[in-house]
């Protein structure tokens, strides 16, 4: 299935199943909004493990694009 031109919002995208889905959707051409509580290191060096920065870096070169959005869904405001 191809998702070119589609947008997917993936919560819990920094690790585990959420990370796998973010990369899978980007592999199929989707624009992915990857949501998690931890951004990680984006300024030089290697991104931290299980962070959005790591997922964005892992998605480089895929047909789709991954954008990081930091938020905690447990906080209603």
Protein backbone atom coordinates (compact mmCIF):
# COMPACT_ATOMS: atom_id res chain seq x y z
CA UNK A 1 0.00 0.00 0.00
CA UNK A 2 1.34 3.45 -0.88
CA UNK A 3 0.64 6.54 1.23
CA UNK A 4 2.18 9.24 -0.97
CA UNK A 5 0.28 12.50 -0.40
CA UNK A 6 -1.18 11.28 2.92
CA UNK A 7 -0.39 12.47 6.45
CA UNK A 8 -0.10 10.07 9.39
CA UNK A 9 0.04 11.15 13.03
CA UNK A 10 1.84 8.52 15.09
CA UNK A 11 1.86 8.79 18.89
CA UNK A 12 4.52 7.11 20.96
CA UNK A 13 6.78 7.38 17.92
CA UNK A 14 10.12 7.51 19.73
CA UNK A 15 10.29 3.76 20.48
CA UNK A 16 8.71 0.36 20.04
CA UNK A 17 5.61 -0.09 17.91
CA UNK A 18 5.15 3.67 17.43
CA UNK A 19 8.67 3.99 16.01
CA UNK A 20 8.09 1.02 13.72
CA UNK A 21 4.84 2.52 12.42
CA UNK A 22 6.43 5.95 11.85
CA UNK A 23 9.20 4.41 9.76
CA UNK A 24 6.81 2.06 7.92
CA UNK A 25 4.47 4.90 6.91
CA UNK A 26 7.43 7.04 5.77
CA UNK A 27 8.74 4.05 3.80
CA UNK A 28 5.42 4.02 1.94
CA UNK A 29 5.64 7.74 1.14
CA UNK A 30 3.52 9.30 3.90
CA UNK A 31 4.31 12.54 5.65
CA UNK A 32 4.59 11.45 9.27
CA UNK A 33 3.99 13.63 12.33
CA UNK A 34 5.89 11.66 14.96
CA UNK A 35 4.68 12.52 18.47
CA UNK A 36 6.42 11.67 21.76
CA UNK A 37 7.53 13.25 25.03
CA UNK A 38 11.28 13.35 24.28
CA UNK A 39 12.92 15.15 21.37
CA UNK A 40 16.55 14.25 22.12
CA UNK A 41 19.76 15.73 20.77
CA UNK A 42 19.30 17.57 17.46
CA UNK A 43 22.39 19.80 17.58
CA UNK A 44 25.38 17.79 16.39
CA UNK A 45 26.43 14.44 17.72
CA UNK A 46 24.26 11.37 17.79
CA UNK A 47 20.60 11.61 18.81
CA UNK A 48 19.73 9.88 22.07
CA UNK A 49 18.26 6.39 22.01
CA UNK A 50 14.45 6.16 21.92
CA UNK A 51 13.95 9.82 21.01
CA UNK A 52 12.17 11.61 18.19
CA UNK A 53 15.51 12.90 16.90
CA UNK A 54 16.62 9.30 16.40
CA UNK A 55 13.42 8.44 14.50
CA UNK A 56 13.76 11.49 12.24
CA UNK A 57 17.39 10.54 11.52
CA UNK A 58 16.40 6.92 10.83
CA UNK A 59 13.79 8.18 8.36
CA UNK A 60 16.25 10.17 6.26
CA UNK A 61 16.35 8.85 2.72
CA UNK A 62 12.90 7.25 2.88
CA UNK A 63 10.27 8.25 0.29
CA UNK A 64 8.17 10.04 2.94
CA UNK A 65 9.23 12.59 5.53
CA UNK A 66 9.12 12.42 9.32
CA UNK A 67 8.51 15.55 11.40
CA UNK A 68 8.97 15.51 15.19
CA UNK A 69 6.40 17.02 17.54
CA UNK A 70 7.04 16.93 21.29
CA UNK A 71 4.02 16.67 23.56
CA UNK A 72 2.64 14.60 26.42
CA UNK A 73 -0.82 13.27 25.58
CA UNK A 74 -1.43 12.72 29.28
CA UNK A 75 -1.61 16.50 29.77
CA UNK A 76 -4.99 17.65 28.49
CA UNK A 77 -4.08 21.35 28.22
